[in-house]
């Protein structure tokens, strides 16, 4: 069930983040933006699943996410954080800082992917 939920989130993120490109290839920015959303939803799905498979002794370590961690609101909260990262990256790029914009997206991807991998390791 959790894998199906994670797959559904990935499909929704791809549908929202990627425009239909008929002839030209997607730009690197579109790929990174999509990766930010996918990493955030991977983090949300693994955290949600780990907390539901654990007894009451487990808790979310991040105090900003903790109120949403045991209910499906975690998907909205982490999706909003991914949106914020992509928004601020776009603003950085628009103001002439494309490398900082890319770095912000890469840090967000690494952070969410690492947190998701950590949740998977705790579950096993």
C-alpha atoms as a PDB file:
ATOM      1  CA  UNK A   1       0.000   0.000   0.000  1.00  0.00           C
ATOM      2  CA  UNK A   2       2.844   2.383   0.843  1.00  0.00           C
ATOM      3  CA  UNK A   3       4.551   1.666  -2.472  1.00  0.00           C
ATOM      4  CA  UNK A   4       1.334   2.436  -4.321  1.00  0.00           C
ATOM      5  CA  UNK A   5       0.965   5.699  -2.398  1.00  0.00           C
ATOM      6  CA  UNK A   6       4.572   6.635  -3.181  1.00  0.00           C
ATOM      7  CA  UNK A   7       4.087   5.813  -6.864  1.00  0.00           C
ATOM      8  CA  UNK A   8       0.890   7.890  -6.984  1.00  0.00           C
ATOM      9  CA  UNK A   9       2.732  10.849  -5.430  1.00  0.00           C
ATOM     10  CA  UNK A  10       5.510  10.513  -7.989  1.00  0.00           C
ATOM     11  CA  UNK A  11       3.042  10.496 -10.884  1.00  0.00           C
ATOM     12  CA  UNK A  12       1.239  13.557  -9.521  1.00  0.00           C
ATOM     13  CA  UNK A  13       4.525  15.408  -8.996  1.00  0.00           C
ATOM     14  CA  UNK A  14       5.639  14.648 -12.524  1.00  0.00           C
ATOM     15  CA  UNK A  15       2.314  15.761 -13.944  1.00  0.00           C
ATOM     16  CA  UNK A  16       2.415  19.036 -12.022  1.00  0.00           C
ATOM     17  CA  UNK A  17       6.086  19.879 -12.463  1.00  0.00           C
ATOM     18  CA  UNK A  18       6.700  18.961 -16.082  1.00  0.00           C
ATOM     19  CA  UNK A  19       5.054  20.694 -19.003  1.00  0.00           C
ATOM     20  CA  UNK A  20       4.319  18.781 -22.177  1.00  0.00           C
ATOM     21  CA  UNK A  21       7.307  19.120 -24.495  1.00  0.00           C
ATOM     22  CA  UNK A  22       6.375  18.152 -28.036  1.00  0.00           C
ATOM     23  CA  UNK A  23       9.641  18.784 -29.864  1.00  0.00           C
ATOM     24  CA  UNK A  24      12.349  20.127 -27.566  1.00  0.00           C
ATOM     25  CA  UNK A  25      14.102  18.329 -24.739  1.00  0.00           C
ATOM     26  CA  UNK A  26      13.371  19.270 -21.118  1.00  0.00           C
ATOM     27  CA  UNK A  27      15.842  21.705 -19.666  1.00  0.00           C
ATOM     28  CA  UNK A  28      18.041  20.861 -16.698  1.00  0.00           C
ATOM     29  CA  UNK A  29      16.007  23.225 -14.514  1.00  0.00           C
ATOM     30  CA  UNK A  30      12.816  21.278 -15.160  1.00  0.00           C
ATOM     31  CA  UNK A  31      14.563  18.025 -14.306  1.00  0.00           C
ATOM     32  CA  UNK A  32      15.968  19.456 -11.072  1.00  0.00           C
ATOM     33  CA  UNK A  33      12.616  20.964 -10.103  1.00  0.00           C
ATOM     34  CA  UNK A  34      10.944  17.605 -10.625  1.00  0.00           C
ATOM     35  CA  UNK A  35      13.680  15.867  -8.654  1.00  0.00           C
ATOM     36  CA  UNK A  36      13.098  18.242  -5.719  1.00  0.00           C
ATOM     37  CA  UNK A  37       9.402  17.301  -5.654  1.00  0.00           C
ATOM     38  CA  UNK A  38      10.130  13.582  -5.979  1.00  0.00           C
ATOM     39  CA  UNK A  39      12.765  13.623  -3.232  1.00  0.00           C
ATOM     40  CA  UNK A  40      10.415  15.504  -0.895  1.00  0.00           C
ATOM     41  CA  UNK A  41       7.595  13.054  -1.517  1.00  0.00           C
ATOM     42  CA  UNK A  42       9.973  10.102  -1.078  1.00  0.00           C
ATOM     43  CA  UNK A  43      10.948  11.576   2.292  1.00  0.00           C
ATOM     44  CA  UNK A  44       7.290  12.064   3.223  1.00  0.00           C
ATOM     45  CA  UNK A  45       6.274   8.537   2.212  1.00  0.00           C
ATOM     46  CA  UNK A  46       9.112   6.813   4.041  1.00  0.00           C
ATOM     47  CA  UNK A  47       8.638   8.924   7.182  1.00  0.00           C
ATOM     48  CA  UNK A  48       4.884   8.325   7.200  1.00  0.00           C
ATOM     49  CA  UNK A  49       5.350   4.590   6.705  1.00  0.00           C
ATOM     50  CA  UNK A  50       8.093   4.308   9.338  1.00  0.00           C
ATOM     51  CA  UNK A  51       6.022   6.118  11.959  1.00  0.00           C
ATOM     52  CA  UNK A  52       2.966   3.964  11.273  1.00  0.00           C
ATOM     53  CA  UNK A  53       4.898   0.705  11.451  1.00  0.00           C
ATOM     54  CA  UNK A  54       6.612   1.727  14.705  1.00  0.00           C
ATOM     55  CA  UNK A  55       5.191   1.732  18.189  1.00  0.00           C
ATOM     56  CA  UNK A  56       4.410   4.946  20.074  1.00  0.00           C
ATOM     57  CA  UNK A  57       8.088   5.325  21.058  1.00  0.00           C
ATOM     58  CA  UNK A  58       8.985   6.707  17.625  1.00  0.00           C
ATOM     59  CA  UNK A  59       8.672  10.365  16.711  1.00  0.00           C
ATOM     60  CA  UNK A  60       9.711  12.795  13.977  1.00  0.00           C
ATOM     61  CA  UNK A  61      12.975  14.519  14.879  1.00  0.00           C
ATOM     62  CA  UNK A  62      12.303  17.640  12.793  1.00  0.00           C
ATOM     63  CA  UNK A  63      10.175  19.985  14.950  1.00  0.00           C
ATOM     64  CA  UNK A  64       8.723  21.750  11.893  1.00  0.00           C
ATOM     65  CA  UNK A  65       7.402  18.533  10.390  1.00  0.00           C
ATOM     66  CA  UNK A  66       6.459  16.809  13.671  1.00  0.00           C
ATOM     67  CA  UNK A  67       2.835  18.112  13.794  1.00  0.00           C
ATOM     68  CA  UNK A  68       2.165  16.605  10.347  1.00  0.00           C
ATOM     69  CA  UNK A  69       4.226  13.421  10.601  1.00  0.00           C
ATOM     70  CA  UNK A  70       1.605  10.921  11.768  1.00  0.00           C
ATOM     71  CA  UNK A  71      -1.112  11.973   9.310  1.00  0.00           C
ATOM     72  CA  UNK A  72      -1.253  12.465   5.531  1.00  0.00           C
ATOM     73  CA  UNK A  73      -0.575  16.180   6.057  1.00  0.00           C
ATOM     74  CA  UNK A  74       3.119  15.329   5.833  1.00  0.00           C
ATOM     75  CA  UNK A  75       2.732  15.000   2.053  1.00  0.00           C
ATOM     76  CA  UNK A  76       1.325  18.526   1.864  1.00  0.00           C
ATOM     77  CA  UNK A  77       3.937  19.966   4.233  1.00  0.00           C
ATOM     78  CA  UNK A  78       6.910  18.500   2.390  1.00  0.00           C
ATOM     79  CA  UNK A  79       5.344  19.304  -0.979  1.00  0.00           C
ATOM     80  CA  UNK A  80       5.069  22.923   0.155  1.00  0.00           C
ATOM     81  CA  UNK A  81       8.715  22.890   1.211  1.00  0.00           C
ATOM     82  CA  UNK A  82       9.678  21.590  -2.245  1.00  0.00           C
ATOM     83  CA  UNK A  83       7.585  24.336  -3.838  1.00  0.00           C
ATOM     84  CA  UNK A  84       9.376  26.926  -1.680  1.00  0.00           C
ATOM     85  CA  UNK A  85      12.781  25.585  -2.712  1.00  0.00           C
ATOM     86  CA  UNK A  86      11.842  25.755  -6.389  1.00  0.00           C
ATOM     87  CA  UNK A  87      10.355  29.242  -5.973  1.00  0.00           C
ATOM     88  CA  UNK A  88      13.447  30.655  -4.274  1.00  0.00           C
ATOM     89  CA  UNK A  89      15.705  28.895  -6.781  1.00  0.00           C
ATOM     90  CA  UNK A  90      13.786  30.547  -9.592  1.00  0.00           C
ATOM     91  CA  UNK A  91      14.177  33.928  -7.906  1.00  0.00           C
ATOM     92  CA  UNK A  92      17.915  33.354  -7.506  1.00  0.00           C
ATOM     93  CA  UNK A  93      18.236  32.455 -11.163  1.00  0.00           C
ATOM     94  CA  UNK A  94      16.186  35.483 -12.220  1.00  0.00           C
ATOM     95  CA  UNK A  95      18.509  37.748 -10.248  1.00  0.00           C
ATOM     96  CA  UNK A  96      21.605  36.397 -11.974  1.00  0.00           C
ATOM     97  CA  UNK A  97      22.685  33.610  -9.623  1.00  0.00           C
ATOM     98  CA  UNK A  98      22.090  30.378 -11.562  1.00  0.00           C
ATOM     99  CA  UNK A  99      24.786  28.422  -9.710  1.00  0.00           C
ATOM    100  CA  UNK A 100      23.296  29.261  -6.322  1.00  0.00           C
ATOM    101  CA  UNK A 101      19.874  28.287  -7.646  1.00  0.00           C
ATOM    102  CA  UNK A 102      21.198  24.910  -8.770  1.00  0.00           C
ATOM    103  CA  UNK A 103      23.053  24.453  -5.471  1.00  0.00           C
ATOM    104  CA  UNK A 104      19.886  25.131  -3.467  1.00  0.00           C
ATOM    105  CA  UNK A 105      17.971  22.522  -5.453  1.00  0.00           C
ATOM    106  CA  UNK A 106      20.775  19.963  -5.139  1.00  0.00           C
ATOM    107  CA  UNK A 107      21.002  20.487  -1.373  1.00  0.00           C
ATOM    108  CA  UNK A 108      17.232  20.023  -1.043  1.00  0.00           C
ATOM    109  CA  UNK A 109      17.352  16.839  -3.134  1.00  0.00           C
ATOM    110  CA  UNK A 110      20.215  15.454  -1.062  1.00  0.00           C
ATOM    111  CA  UNK A 111      18.568  16.345   2.228  1.00  0.00           C
ATOM    112  CA  UNK A 112      15.228  14.755   1.371  1.00  0.00           C
ATOM    113  CA  UNK A 113      16.805  11.693  -0.234  1.00  0.00           C
ATOM    114  CA  UNK A 114      19.054  11.225   2.794  1.00  0.00           C
ATOM    115  CA  UNK A 115      16.140  11.582   5.201  1.00  0.00           C
ATOM    116  CA  UNK A 116      14.102   9.092   3.196  1.00  0.00           C
ATOM    117  CA  UNK A 117      16.967   6.607   3.115  1.00  0.00           C
ATOM    118  CA  UNK A 118      17.403   7.039   6.877  1.00  0.00           C
ATOM    119  CA  UNK A 119      13.697   6.327   7.439  1.00  0.00           C
ATOM    120  CA  UNK A 120      13.987   3.203   5.285  1.00  0.00           C
ATOM    121  CA  UNK A 121      17.009   2.046   7.294  1.00  0.00           C
ATOM    122  CA  UNK A 122      15.118   2.588  10.566  1.00  0.00           C
ATOM    123  CA  UNK A 123      12.170   0.605   9.278  1.00  0.00           C
ATOM    124  CA  UNK A 124      14.306  -2.450   8.556  1.00  0.00           C
END
